[in-house]
Amino acid sequence: MAATWVTEAELRLSLGIGSLYSSEVVEEVCQSAQNIVSGYLWKNQQYNSAHSHIVGYGTLYFDTPHDYFIGQTVTVSGNGATFNGSKTITDISAYSITFATTHSTIEPIHPTNPFGTVAGTDYVSYGTVPEIRESSLMIATDIWQARQASNAGGISPDFQPSPYRMGNTLIARVRGLLANHLSPNGLVG
């Protein structure tokens, strides 16, 4: 990921831990928070469920119609080395995109498990949005506190202290900050 939404220095200052812990451990928590928040945000990407290839070309298939166009450059990931990377679309249908690859064989359509990702250009730099950065810091703080104390303040349904703090309320605590940026594709029900 290009930019860190919560820096090591910010998390150290927020937690008051100074230099007690290694940079590697603190950075891992910062990156985890960013990954969690990022998964809920609206981005110019779709998930492909299958792929196929012929000599020199690969095709990715989607379960829903896509908005990509011929000539557009997309970043493909989670599809294997010959598909992954920056690709320029050469052909489309409502449910597929095709681009040049280094394939030297023919392989029929087969599932991509887990789904691969196709990302177009994003027009929002979430690392500069204050509420995204704040929510990332809050999530990082929760992750840190859950790592450090076996009873990090979680309460089970029977009102007994619980050692597990990282439950389904993790995002609920920051949803107000993220509300204007949540992906409509993830809002089901």
N, C-alpha and C. Protein backbone atom coordinates (compact mmCIF):
# COMPACT_ATOMS: atom_id res chain seq x y z
N MET A 1 0.85 -1.17 0.00
CA MET A 1 0.00 0.00 0.00
C MET A 1 0.90 1.24 0.00
N ALA A 2 0.48 2.22 -0.76
CA ALA A 2 1.32 3.38 -1.00
C ALA A 2 1.54 4.25 0.24
N ALA A 3 0.49 4.62 0.92
CA ALA A 3 0.63 5.53 2.06
C ALA A 3 0.10 4.87 3.32
N THR A 4 0.71 5.20 4.43
CA THR A 4 0.26 4.68 5.71
C THR A 4 -0.79 5.62 6.28
N TRP A 5 -1.94 5.08 6.64
CA TRP A 5 -3.03 5.91 7.14
C TRP A 5 -2.84 6.26 8.61
N VAL A 6 -2.16 5.41 9.36
CA VAL A 6 -1.77 5.72 10.73
C VAL A 6 -0.30 5.34 10.83
N THR A 7 0.51 6.29 11.23
CA THR A 7 1.95 6.04 11.27
C THR A 7 2.37 5.43 12.60
N GLU A 8 3.53 4.84 12.59
CA GLU A 8 4.09 4.27 13.81
C GLU A 8 4.20 5.35 14.89
N ALA A 9 4.67 6.52 14.51
CA ALA A 9 4.84 7.61 15.48
C ALA A 9 3.50 8.03 16.08
N GLU A 10 2.45 8.11 15.25
CA GLU A 10 1.12 8.47 15.75
C GLU A 10 0.59 7.44 16.74
N LEU A 11 0.76 6.16 16.41
CA LEU A 11 0.27 5.11 17.30
C LEU A 11 1.06 5.09 18.60
N ARG A 12 2.38 5.24 18.51
CA ARG A 12 3.19 5.27 19.73
C ARG A 12 2.77 6.43 20.64
N LEU A 13 2.53 7.60 20.05
CA LEU A 13 2.12 8.77 20.83
C LEU A 13 0.74 8.55 21.44
N SER A 14 -0.19 8.03 20.66
CA SER A 14 -1.54 7.79 21.14
C SER A 14 -1.57 6.80 22.30
N LEU A 15 -0.73 5.76 22.22
CA LEU A 15 -0.69 4.74 23.26
C LEU A 15 0.22 5.09 24.42
N GLY A 16 1.09 6.07 24.21
CA GLY A 16 2.05 6.44 25.24
C GLY A 16 3.10 5.36 25.50
N ILE A 17 3.51 4.65 24.44
CA ILE A 17 4.44 3.54 24.62
C ILE A 17 5.88 3.89 24.29
N GLY A 18 6.12 5.13 23.85
CA GLY A 18 7.49 5.53 23.55
C GLY A 18 8.18 4.53 22.65
N SER A 19 9.36 4.09 23.09
CA SER A 19 10.14 3.14 22.28
C SER A 19 10.18 1.75 22.93
N LEU A 20 9.16 1.42 23.71
CA LEU A 20 9.13 0.15 24.43
C LEU A 20 9.05 -1.07 23.51
N TYR A 21 8.44 -0.93 22.34
CA TYR A 21 8.23 -2.06 21.45
C TYR A 21 8.94 -1.82 20.13
N SER A 22 9.29 -2.89 19.45
CA SER A 22 10.02 -2.78 18.19
C SER A 22 9.14 -2.14 17.11
N SER A 23 9.80 -1.48 16.17
CA SER A 23 9.09 -0.86 15.05
C SER A 23 8.29 -1.90 14.27
N GLU A 24 8.85 -3.09 14.12
CA GLU A 24 8.18 -4.14 13.35
C GLU A 24 6.81 -4.47 13.94
N VAL A 25 6.73 -4.59 15.25
CA VAL A 25 5.47 -4.93 15.91
C VAL A 25 4.46 -3.79 15.78
N VAL A 26 4.91 -2.56 16.00
CA VAL A 26 4.01 -1.41 15.93
C VAL A 26 3.53 -1.19 14.49
N GLU A 27 4.43 -1.32 13.53
CA GLU A 27 4.06 -1.16 12.11
C GLU A 27 3.06 -2.21 11.68
N GLU A 28 3.21 -3.43 12.18
CA GLU A 28 2.26 -4.50 11.84
C GLU A 28 0.85 -4.14 12.28
N VAL A 29 0.72 -3.55 13.45
CA VAL A 29 -0.58 -3.13 13.95
C VAL A 29 -1.13 -1.99 13.09
N CYS A 30 -0.27 -1.03 12.72
CA CYS A 30 -0.70 0.09 11.85
C CYS A 30 -1.21 -0.44 10.51
N GLN A 31 -0.48 -1.36 9.91
CA GLN A 31 -0.87 -1.91 8.61
C GLN A 31 -2.14 -2.73 8.73
N SER A 32 -2.29 -3.47 9.82
CA SER A 32 -3.52 -4.25 10.03
C SER A 32 -4.73 -3.34 10.09
N ALA A 33 -4.62 -2.24 10.81
CA ALA A 33 -5.73 -1.28 10.91
C ALA A 33 -6.08 -0.72 9.54
N GLN A 34 -5.07 -0.37 8.76
CA GLN A 34 -5.31 0.15 7.42
C GLN A 34 -6.00 -0.89 6.54
N ASN A 35 -5.55 -2.12 6.62
CA ASN A 35 -6.16 -3.19 5.82
C ASN A 35 -7.63 -3.40 6.19
N ILE A 36 -7.93 -3.35 7.48
CA ILE A 36 -9.30 -3.54 7.95
C ILE A 36 -10.19 -2.41 7.43
N VAL A 37 -9.77 -1.17 7.64
CA VAL A 37 -10.58 -0.02 7.22
C VAL A 37 -10.72 -0.01 5.70
N SER A 38 -9.64 -0.28 4.99
CA SER A 38 -9.64 -0.26 3.53
C SER A 38 -10.68 -1.21 2.94
N GLY A 39 -10.88 -2.34 3.58
CA GLY A 39 -11.83 -3.32 3.09
C GLY A 39 -13.27 -2.82 3.07
N TYR A 40 -13.58 -1.78 3.80
CA TYR A 40 -14.94 -1.25 3.86
C TYR A 40 -15.17 -0.05 2.95
N LEU A 41 -14.09 0.49 2.38
CA LEU A 41 -14.19 1.74 1.62
C LEU A 41 -14.56 1.52 0.16
N TRP A 42 -15.17 2.54 -0.41
CA TRP A 42 -15.59 2.50 -1.81
C TRP A 42 -14.37 2.75 -2.69
N LYS A 43 -14.06 1.77 -3.52
CA LYS A 43 -12.91 1.87 -4.41
C LYS A 43 -13.33 1.47 -5.82
N ASN A 44 -12.53 1.87 -6.77
CA ASN A 44 -12.79 1.54 -8.17
C ASN A 44 -12.22 0.15 -8.45
N GLN A 45 -12.87 -0.86 -7.91
CA GLN A 45 -12.38 -2.23 -8.10
C GLN A 45 -13.54 -3.22 -8.10
N GLN A 46 -13.27 -4.35 -8.69
CA GLN A 46 -14.21 -5.47 -8.70
C GLN A 46 -13.45 -6.76 -8.48
N TYR A 47 -14.18 -7.79 -8.10
CA TYR A 47 -13.57 -9.09 -7.87
C TYR A 47 -13.93 -10.03 -9.01
N ASN A 48 -12.93 -10.67 -9.57
CA ASN A 48 -13.20 -11.65 -10.63
C ASN A 48 -13.28 -13.04 -10.02
N SER A 49 -14.19 -13.84 -10.58
CA SER A 49 -14.44 -15.16 -10.03
C SER A 49 -13.83 -16.29 -10.85
N ALA A 50 -13.34 -15.98 -12.06
CA ALA A 50 -12.75 -17.01 -12.91
C ALA A 50 -11.79 -16.36 -13.90
N HIS A 51 -10.96 -17.20 -14.51
CA HIS A 51 -10.10 -16.72 -15.58
C HIS A 51 -9.80 -17.85 -16.57
N SER A 52 -9.35 -17.46 -17.75
CA SER A 52 -8.94 -18.41 -18.79
C SER A 52 -7.83 -17.73 -19.58
N HIS A 53 -7.13 -18.51 -20.42
CA HIS A 53 -6.13 -17.88 -21.27
C HIS A 53 -5.91 -18.68 -22.54
N ILE A 54 -5.46 -17.95 -23.54
CA ILE A 54 -4.98 -18.53 -24.79
C ILE A 54 -3.57 -17.97 -24.96
N VAL A 55 -2.87 -18.39 -25.94
CA VAL A 55 -1.49 -17.94 -26.14
C VAL A 55 -1.47 -16.41 -26.28
N GLY A 56 -0.80 -15.76 -25.34
CA GLY A 56 -0.62 -14.31 -25.39
C GLY A 56 -1.72 -13.46 -24.80
N TYR A 57 -2.84 -14.06 -24.39
CA TYR A 57 -3.96 -13.28 -23.84
C TYR A 57 -4.60 -14.00 -22.67
N GLY A 58 -5.04 -13.21 -21.69
CA GLY A 58 -5.78 -13.74 -20.55
C GLY A 58 -7.12 -13.04 -20.43
N THR A 59 -8.11 -13.75 -19.95
CA THR A 59 -9.44 -13.18 -19.75
C THR A 59 -9.87 -13.41 -18.32
N LEU A 60 -10.41 -12.38 -17.69
CA LEU A 60 -10.95 -12.46 -16.34
C LEU A 60 -12.46 -12.32 -16.43
N TYR A 61 -13.19 -13.10 -15.61
CA TYR A 61 -14.65 -13.14 -15.65
C TYR A 61 -15.22 -12.66 -14.31
N PHE A 62 -16.31 -11.90 -14.41
CA PHE A 62 -16.97 -11.32 -13.24
C PHE A 62 -18.38 -11.88 -13.09
N ASP A 63 -18.89 -11.91 -11.87
CA ASP A 63 -20.25 -12.38 -11.62
C ASP A 63 -21.29 -11.28 -11.86
N THR A 64 -20.84 -10.03 -11.88
CA THR A 64 -21.72 -8.89 -12.15
C THR A 64 -21.10 -8.06 -13.27
N PRO A 65 -21.90 -7.26 -13.97
CA PRO A 65 -21.33 -6.42 -15.03
C PRO A 65 -20.29 -5.45 -14.47
N HIS A 66 -19.27 -5.17 -15.26
CA HIS A 66 -18.20 -4.25 -14.84
C HIS A 66 -18.31 -2.95 -15.62
N ASP A 67 -17.51 -1.95 -15.21
CA ASP A 67 -17.50 -0.65 -15.86
C ASP A 67 -16.18 -0.36 -16.58
N TYR A 68 -15.36 -1.36 -16.79
CA TYR A 68 -14.07 -1.14 -17.44
C TYR A 68 -14.25 -0.96 -18.94
N PHE A 69 -13.26 -0.34 -19.59
CA PHE A 69 -13.36 -0.07 -21.02
C PHE A 69 -12.07 -0.43 -21.74
N ILE A 70 -12.16 -0.64 -23.04
CA ILE A 70 -10.99 -0.98 -23.85
C ILE A 70 -10.00 0.19 -23.80
N GLY A 71 -8.76 -0.14 -23.57
CA GLY A 71 -7.70 0.87 -23.46
C GLY A 71 -7.40 1.29 -22.03
N GLN A 72 -8.29 0.96 -21.11
CA GLN A 72 -8.09 1.31 -19.70
C GLN A 72 -6.99 0.43 -19.10
N THR A 73 -6.17 1.01 -18.25
CA THR A 73 -5.16 0.24 -17.54
C THR A 73 -5.68 -0.06 -16.15
N VAL A 74 -5.63 -1.34 -15.78
CA VAL A 74 -6.10 -1.80 -14.47
C VAL A 74 -4.96 -2.54 -13.77
N THR A 75 -5.07 -2.65 -12.47
CA THR A 75 -4.12 -3.43 -11.69
C THR A 75 -4.81 -4.71 -11.26
N VAL A 76 -4.23 -5.83 -11.67
CA VAL A 76 -4.80 -7.15 -11.40
C VAL A 76 -3.98 -7.80 -10.29
N SER A 77 -4.65 -8.40 -9.31
CA SER A 77 -3.96 -9.12 -8.24
C SER A 77 -4.79 -10.35 -7.85
N GLY A 78 -4.12 -11.30 -7.25
CA GLY A 78 -4.78 -12.51 -6.77
C GLY A 78 -5.17 -13.48 -7.87
N ASN A 79 -4.53 -13.39 -9.03
CA ASN A 79 -4.88 -14.24 -10.17
C ASN A 79 -3.72 -15.06 -10.71
N GLY A 80 -2.58 -15.05 -10.04
CA GLY A 80 -1.42 -15.78 -10.53
C GLY A 80 -0.45 -14.85 -11.25
N ALA A 81 0.80 -15.25 -11.29
CA ALA A 81 1.88 -14.39 -11.78
C ALA A 81 1.67 -13.89 -13.20
N THR A 82 1.14 -14.70 -14.11
CA THR A 82 1.01 -14.25 -15.50
C THR A 82 -0.18 -13.31 -15.71
N PHE A 83 -1.12 -13.30 -14.79
CA PHE A 83 -2.25 -12.36 -14.87
C PHE A 83 -1.98 -11.09 -14.07
N ASN A 84 -1.31 -11.20 -12.94
CA ASN A 84 -1.15 -10.08 -12.02
C ASN A 84 -0.29 -8.97 -12.60
N GLY A 85 -0.58 -7.75 -12.15
CA GLY A 85 0.21 -6.59 -12.56
C GLY A 85 -0.65 -5.56 -13.26
N SER A 86 0.01 -4.57 -13.82
CA SER A 86 -0.66 -3.51 -14.55
C SER A 86 -0.97 -4.01 -15.97
N LYS A 87 -2.24 -4.00 -16.35
CA LYS A 87 -2.67 -4.55 -17.64
C LYS A 87 -3.54 -3.53 -18.37
N THR A 88 -3.40 -3.48 -19.68
CA THR A 88 -4.24 -2.62 -20.53
C THR A 88 -5.28 -3.50 -21.21
N ILE A 89 -6.53 -3.16 -21.02
CA ILE A 89 -7.63 -3.97 -21.53
C ILE A 89 -7.70 -3.86 -23.06
N THR A 90 -7.77 -5.03 -23.72
CA THR A 90 -7.83 -5.06 -25.19
C THR A 90 -9.20 -5.48 -25.71
N ASP A 91 -10.02 -6.11 -24.87
CA ASP A 91 -11.35 -6.54 -25.29
C ASP A 91 -12.23 -6.68 -24.05
N ILE A 92 -13.52 -6.46 -24.22
CA ILE A 92 -14.46 -6.57 -23.09
C ILE A 92 -15.76 -7.22 -23.55
N SER A 93 -16.48 -7.77 -22.58
CA SER A 93 -17.89 -8.11 -22.72
C SER A 93 -18.51 -7.61 -21.42
N ALA A 94 -19.79 -7.76 -21.25
CA ALA A 94 -20.44 -7.25 -20.03
C ALA A 94 -19.86 -7.89 -18.77
N TYR A 95 -19.37 -9.14 -18.87
CA TYR A 95 -18.91 -9.88 -17.70
C TYR A 95 -17.45 -10.32 -17.79
N SER A 96 -16.67 -9.74 -18.70
CA SER A 96 -15.26 -10.15 -18.81
C SER A 96 -14.40 -9.03 -19.37
N ILE A 97 -13.10 -9.14 -19.11
CA ILE A 97 -12.10 -8.27 -19.72
C ILE A 97 -10.95 -9.15 -20.21
N THR A 98 -10.31 -8.73 -21.29
CA THR A 98 -9.18 -9.47 -21.86
C THR A 98 -8.01 -8.52 -22.02
N PHE A 99 -6.80 -9.04 -21.82
CA PHE A 99 -5.58 -8.24 -21.96
C PHE A 99 -4.43 -9.15 -22.33
N ALA A 100 -3.34 -8.55 -22.80
CA ALA A 100 -2.16 -9.31 -23.19
C ALA A 100 -1.48 -9.90 -21.96
N THR A 101 -1.00 -11.14 -22.09
CA THR A 101 -0.24 -11.81 -21.03
C THR A 101 0.91 -12.57 -21.66
N THR A 102 1.65 -13.28 -20.85
CA THR A 102 2.78 -14.08 -21.34
C THR A 102 2.42 -15.56 -21.43
N HIS A 103 1.15 -15.88 -21.46
CA HIS A 103 0.73 -17.28 -21.54
C HIS A 103 1.18 -17.91 -22.86
N SER A 104 1.64 -19.13 -22.77
CA SER A 104 2.07 -19.85 -23.98
C SER A 104 1.23 -21.11 -24.19
N THR A 105 0.15 -21.24 -23.42
CA THR A 105 -0.73 -22.40 -23.54
C THR A 105 -2.19 -21.93 -23.56
N ILE A 106 -3.08 -22.86 -23.78
CA ILE A 106 -4.52 -22.58 -23.75
C ILE A 106 -5.09 -23.28 -22.52
N GLU A 107 -5.89 -22.54 -21.76
CA GLU A 107 -6.55 -23.12 -20.59
C GLU A 107 -7.98 -22.61 -20.54
N PRO A 108 -8.95 -23.51 -20.39
CA PRO A 108 -10.36 -23.08 -20.37
C PRO A 108 -10.69 -22.31 -19.09
N ILE A 109 -11.91 -21.78 -19.06
CA ILE A 109 -12.38 -21.03 -17.89
C ILE A 109 -12.33 -21.93 -16.65
N HIS A 110 -11.75 -21.40 -15.59
CA HIS A 110 -11.73 -22.11 -14.31
C HIS A 110 -11.83 -21.09 -13.18
N PRO A 111 -12.35 -21.51 -12.02
CA PRO A 111 -12.57 -20.56 -10.92
C PRO A 111 -11.28 -19.98 -10.35
N THR A 112 -11.40 -18.78 -9.85
CA THR A 112 -10.33 -18.12 -9.11
C THR A 112 -10.75 -18.13 -7.65
N ASN A 113 -10.09 -18.95 -6.85
CA ASN A 113 -10.43 -19.07 -5.43
C ASN A 113 -9.21 -18.79 -4.57
N PRO A 114 -9.24 -17.82 -3.67
CA PRO A 114 -10.31 -16.84 -3.51
C PRO A 114 -10.35 -15.91 -4.72
N PHE A 115 -11.40 -15.10 -4.81
CA PHE A 115 -11.56 -14.20 -5.95
C PHE A 115 -10.32 -13.34 -6.14
N GLY A 116 -10.04 -13.01 -7.40
CA GLY A 116 -8.99 -12.06 -7.72
C GLY A 116 -9.56 -10.65 -7.69
N THR A 117 -8.67 -9.66 -7.76
CA THR A 117 -9.08 -8.26 -7.71
C THR A 117 -8.62 -7.54 -8.97
N VAL A 118 -9.50 -6.73 -9.53
CA VAL A 118 -9.19 -5.87 -10.66
C VAL A 118 -9.50 -4.44 -10.21
N ALA A 119 -8.48 -3.59 -10.23
CA ALA A 119 -8.65 -2.22 -9.72
C ALA A 119 -8.30 -1.20 -10.80
N GLY A 120 -9.22 -0.27 -11.00
CA GLY A 120 -8.97 0.87 -11.86
C GLY A 120 -8.38 1.99 -11.03
N THR A 121 -8.24 3.15 -11.61
CA THR A 121 -7.69 4.31 -10.90
C THR A 121 -8.67 4.78 -9.83
N ASP A 122 -8.18 4.99 -8.62
CA ASP A 122 -8.99 5.58 -7.56
C ASP A 122 -8.83 7.09 -7.63
N TYR A 123 -9.92 7.80 -7.41
CA TYR A 123 -9.89 9.25 -7.50
C TYR A 123 -9.91 9.92 -6.13
N VAL A 124 -9.85 9.11 -5.08
CA VAL A 124 -9.79 9.62 -3.72
C VAL A 124 -8.54 9.03 -3.07
N SER A 125 -7.75 9.87 -2.44
CA SER A 125 -6.58 9.40 -1.69
C SER A 125 -6.99 9.30 -0.23
N TYR A 126 -7.44 8.11 0.18
CA TYR A 126 -7.98 7.95 1.52
C TYR A 126 -6.98 8.27 2.63
N GLY A 127 -5.70 8.15 2.34
CA GLY A 127 -4.68 8.47 3.35
C GLY A 127 -4.64 9.94 3.73
N THR A 128 -5.33 10.78 2.97
CA THR A 128 -5.36 12.22 3.28
C THR A 128 -6.69 12.66 3.88
N VAL A 129 -7.63 11.74 4.02
CA VAL A 129 -8.96 12.07 4.55
C VAL A 129 -8.93 11.92 6.07
N PRO A 130 -9.13 13.04 6.80
CA PRO A 130 -8.99 12.99 8.27
C PRO A 130 -9.81 11.91 8.96
N GLU A 131 -11.07 11.73 8.58
CA GLU A 131 -11.89 10.74 9.27
C GLU A 131 -11.43 9.30 8.99
N ILE A 132 -10.84 9.07 7.84
CA ILE A 132 -10.29 7.75 7.54
C ILE A 132 -9.05 7.51 8.40
N ARG A 133 -8.21 8.53 8.50
CA ARG A 133 -7.00 8.41 9.33
C ARG A 133 -7.37 8.22 10.81
N GLU A 134 -8.37 8.96 11.29
CA GLU A 134 -8.79 8.82 12.69
C GLU A 134 -9.36 7.44 12.97
N SER A 135 -10.20 6.95 12.05
CA SER A 135 -10.76 5.61 12.27
C SER A 135 -9.67 4.55 12.24
N SER A 136 -8.66 4.73 11.39
CA SER A 136 -7.54 3.79 11.35
C SER A 136 -6.76 3.81 12.67
N LEU A 137 -6.57 5.00 13.23
CA LEU A 137 -5.88 5.11 14.53
C LEU A 137 -6.71 4.44 15.63
N MET A 138 -8.01 4.62 15.60
CA MET A 138 -8.86 3.99 16.62
C MET A 138 -8.81 2.47 16.51
N ILE A 139 -8.85 1.95 15.30
CA ILE A 139 -8.77 0.50 15.09
C ILE A 139 -7.40 -0.01 15.53
N ALA A 140 -6.33 0.72 15.18
CA ALA A 140 -4.98 0.31 15.57
C ALA A 140 -4.86 0.27 17.09
N THR A 141 -5.45 1.24 17.76
CA THR A 141 -5.42 1.27 19.23
C THR A 141 -6.14 0.06 19.80
N ASP A 142 -7.29 -0.28 19.24
CA ASP A 142 -8.03 -1.47 19.70
C ASP A 142 -7.22 -2.75 19.47
N ILE A 143 -6.59 -2.85 18.31
CA ILE A 143 -5.77 -4.03 18.02
C ILE A 143 -4.64 -4.12 19.03
N TRP A 144 -3.97 -3.00 19.28
CA TRP A 144 -2.84 -2.99 20.22
C TRP A 144 -3.30 -3.42 21.61
N GLN A 145 -4.40 -2.85 22.06
CA GLN A 145 -4.89 -3.17 23.40
C GLN A 145 -5.33 -4.61 23.51
N ALA A 146 -5.91 -5.17 22.46
CA ALA A 146 -6.31 -6.58 22.48
C ALA A 146 -5.08 -7.49 22.52
N ARG A 147 -3.99 -7.06 21.90
CA ARG A 147 -2.75 -7.86 21.90
C ARG A 147 -2.07 -7.85 23.27
N GLN A 148 -2.20 -6.74 23.97
CA GLN A 148 -1.42 -6.56 25.19
C GLN A 148 -2.09 -7.07 26.45
N ALA A 149 -3.41 -7.14 26.47
CA ALA A 149 -4.10 -7.56 27.69
C ALA A 149 -5.08 -8.67 27.37
N SER A 150 -5.02 -9.74 28.14
CA SER A 150 -5.93 -10.85 27.88
C SER A 150 -7.38 -10.46 28.12
N ASN A 151 -7.61 -9.52 29.01
CA ASN A 151 -8.96 -9.02 29.24
C ASN A 151 -8.96 -7.55 28.86
N ALA A 152 -9.11 -7.29 27.56
CA ALA A 152 -8.97 -5.94 27.04
C ALA A 152 -10.27 -5.14 27.09
N GLY A 153 -11.13 -5.46 27.98
CA GLY A 153 -12.33 -4.65 28.16
C GLY A 153 -13.55 -5.14 27.42
N GLY A 154 -13.46 -6.27 26.74
CA GLY A 154 -14.63 -6.80 26.06
C GLY A 154 -15.59 -7.40 27.06
N ILE A 155 -16.86 -7.36 26.76
CA ILE A 155 -17.86 -7.95 27.64
C ILE A 155 -18.67 -8.95 26.82
N SER A 156 -18.86 -10.14 27.35
CA SER A 156 -19.63 -11.16 26.65
C SER A 156 -21.13 -10.89 26.83
N PRO A 157 -21.98 -11.57 26.07
CA PRO A 157 -23.44 -11.35 26.19
C PRO A 157 -23.99 -11.57 27.59
N ASP A 158 -23.32 -12.39 28.41
CA ASP A 158 -23.80 -12.60 29.78
C ASP A 158 -23.15 -11.63 30.77
N PHE A 159 -22.57 -10.54 30.25
CA PHE A 159 -21.98 -9.46 31.03
C PHE A 159 -20.74 -9.85 31.82
N GLN A 160 -20.10 -10.92 31.40
CA GLN A 160 -18.84 -11.33 32.02
C GLN A 160 -17.69 -10.78 31.19
N PRO A 161 -16.56 -10.46 31.81
CA PRO A 161 -15.42 -9.98 31.03
C PRO A 161 -15.00 -11.03 30.00
N SER A 162 -14.65 -10.56 28.83
CA SER A 162 -14.27 -11.45 27.74
C SER A 162 -12.87 -11.12 27.27
N PRO A 163 -12.05 -12.12 27.00
CA PRO A 163 -10.70 -11.84 26.51
C PRO A 163 -10.70 -11.45 25.03
N TYR A 164 -11.84 -11.56 24.36
CA TYR A 164 -11.88 -11.29 22.93
C TYR A 164 -12.54 -9.95 22.66
N ARG A 165 -11.76 -8.97 22.25
CA ARG A 165 -12.23 -7.61 22.02
C ARG A 165 -12.47 -7.34 20.54
N MET A 166 -11.89 -8.13 19.68
CA MET A 166 -11.88 -7.84 18.26
C MET A 166 -13.11 -8.41 17.55
N GLY A 167 -14.28 -8.27 18.12
CA GLY A 167 -15.50 -8.84 17.56
C GLY A 167 -16.15 -7.98 16.50
N ASN A 168 -17.43 -8.23 16.28
CA ASN A 168 -18.16 -7.55 15.22
C ASN A 168 -18.41 -6.07 15.52
N THR A 169 -18.11 -5.61 16.70
CA THR A 169 -18.30 -4.20 17.02
C THR A 169 -17.06 -3.36 16.69
N LEU A 170 -16.01 -3.99 16.23
CA LEU A 170 -14.77 -3.27 15.90
C LEU A 170 -15.06 -2.15 14.90
N ILE A 171 -15.68 -2.45 13.79
CA ILE A 171 -16.00 -1.45 12.78
C ILE A 171 -17.18 -0.59 13.21
N ALA A 172 -18.10 -1.15 13.99
CA ALA A 172 -19.27 -0.39 14.43
C ALA A 172 -18.84 0.86 15.21
N ARG A 173 -17.73 0.78 15.92
CA ARG A 173 -17.26 1.93 16.71
C ARG A 173 -16.75 3.06 15.84
N VAL A 174 -16.38 2.78 14.61
CA VAL A 174 -15.87 3.84 13.73
C VAL A 174 -16.76 4.06 12.51
N ARG A 175 -17.87 3.38 12.42
CA ARG A 175 -18.74 3.48 11.24
C ARG A 175 -19.20 4.92 11.01
N GLY A 176 -19.43 5.69 12.04
CA GLY A 176 -19.82 7.09 11.87
C GLY A 176 -18.75 7.90 11.16
N LEU A 177 -17.49 7.63 11.46
CA LEU A 177 -16.40 8.32 10.78
C LEU A 177 -16.30 7.89 9.32
N LEU A 178 -16.58 6.63 9.05
CA LEU A 178 -16.42 6.08 7.71
C LEU A 178 -17.66 6.24 6.83
N ALA A 179 -18.78 6.65 7.40
CA ALA A 179 -20.08 6.60 6.72
C ALA A 179 -20.07 7.17 5.31
N ASN A 180 -19.45 8.31 5.08
CA ASN A 180 -19.48 8.93 3.76
C ASN A 180 -18.59 8.24 2.75
N HIS A 181 -17.79 7.27 3.18
CA HIS A 181 -16.83 6.62 2.30
C HIS A 181 -17.05 5.12 2.16
N LEU A 182 -18.09 4.57 2.80
CA LEU A 182 -18.35 3.13 2.75
C LEU A 182 -18.79 2.70 1.37
N SER A 183 -18.32 1.54 0.96
CA SER A 183 -18.68 1.00 -0.34
C SER A 183 -20.14 0.57 -0.35
N PRO A 184 -20.92 1.02 -1.33
CA PRO A 184 -22.31 0.55 -1.40
C PRO A 184 -22.39 -0.93 -1.73
N ASN A 185 -21.32 -1.51 -2.26
CA ASN A 185 -21.31 -2.94 -2.56
C ASN A 185 -21.26 -3.78 -1.31
N GLY A 186 -20.86 -3.20 -0.20
CA GLY A 186 -20.77 -3.95 1.05
C GLY A 186 -21.96 -3.72 1.97
N LEU A 187 -22.88 -2.87 1.57
CA LEU A 187 -24.02 -2.54 2.42
C LEU A 187 -25.20 -3.42 2.03
N VAL A 188 -25.25 -4.58 2.61
CA VAL A 188 -26.29 -5.56 2.29
C VAL A 188 -27.23 -5.67 3.48
N GLY A 189 -28.51 -5.76 3.21
CA GLY A 189 -29.47 -6.03 4.28
C GLY A 189 -30.13 -4.89 4.84
